[in-house]
């Protein structure tokens, strides 16, 4: 789905998207890719 994005950049993008409350569909797309790659999902911190 997002093959050109490194694992580190994908996780960083996810953390920022959650922190900035970006579009729900965008966050879900990132979350699906994280799961597809079998990476640990970063903790979602509610501020």
Protein backbone atom coordinates (compact mmCIF):
# COMPACT_ATOMS: atom_id res chain seq x y z
CA UNK A 1 0.00 0.00 0.00
CA UNK A 2 2.76 2.46 0.97
CA UNK A 3 5.88 0.58 -0.13
CA UNK A 4 8.12 3.63 -0.56
CA UNK A 5 7.71 4.72 3.06
CA UNK A 6 10.21 3.23 5.50
CA UNK A 7 8.88 1.60 8.67
CA UNK A 8 10.29 4.43 10.75
CA UNK A 9 8.66 7.13 8.63
CA UNK A 10 5.36 5.26 8.61
CA UNK A 11 5.30 5.06 12.41
CA UNK A 12 6.33 8.72 12.67
CA UNK A 13 3.55 9.75 10.26
CA UNK A 14 1.04 7.75 12.30
CA UNK A 15 2.11 9.35 15.59
CA UNK A 16 1.86 12.84 14.11
CA UNK A 17 -1.49 12.13 12.44
CA UNK A 18 -2.97 10.98 15.75
CA UNK A 19 -1.43 13.87 17.70
CA UNK A 20 -2.75 16.42 15.21
CA UNK A 21 -6.17 14.74 14.97
CA UNK A 22 -5.91 14.45 11.20
CA UNK A 23 -8.62 12.92 9.03
CA UNK A 24 -9.89 9.62 10.46
CA UNK A 25 -9.61 7.84 7.08
CA UNK A 26 -5.96 8.89 6.76
CA UNK A 27 -5.15 7.62 10.26
CA UNK A 28 -6.93 4.34 9.46
CA UNK A 29 -4.93 3.95 6.24
CA UNK A 30 -1.68 4.38 8.18
CA UNK A 31 -2.89 1.95 10.87
CA UNK A 32 -3.77 -0.68 8.25
CA UNK A 33 -0.30 -0.39 6.70
CA UNK A 34 1.36 -0.69 10.13
CA UNK A 35 -0.61 -3.87 10.80
CA UNK A 36 0.12 -5.22 7.30
CA UNK A 37 3.84 -4.85 8.00
CA UNK A 38 3.35 -6.49 11.43
CA UNK A 39 4.85 -3.49 13.23
CA UNK A 40 3.95 -2.63 16.81
CA UNK A 41 1.25 0.03 16.84
CA UNK A 42 2.46 3.11 18.76
CA UNK A 43 0.50 3.96 21.88
CA UNK A 44 -2.24 6.49 21.18
CA UNK A 45 -1.98 9.16 23.84
CA UNK A 46 -5.03 11.27 24.51
CA UNK A 47 -4.02 14.86 25.24
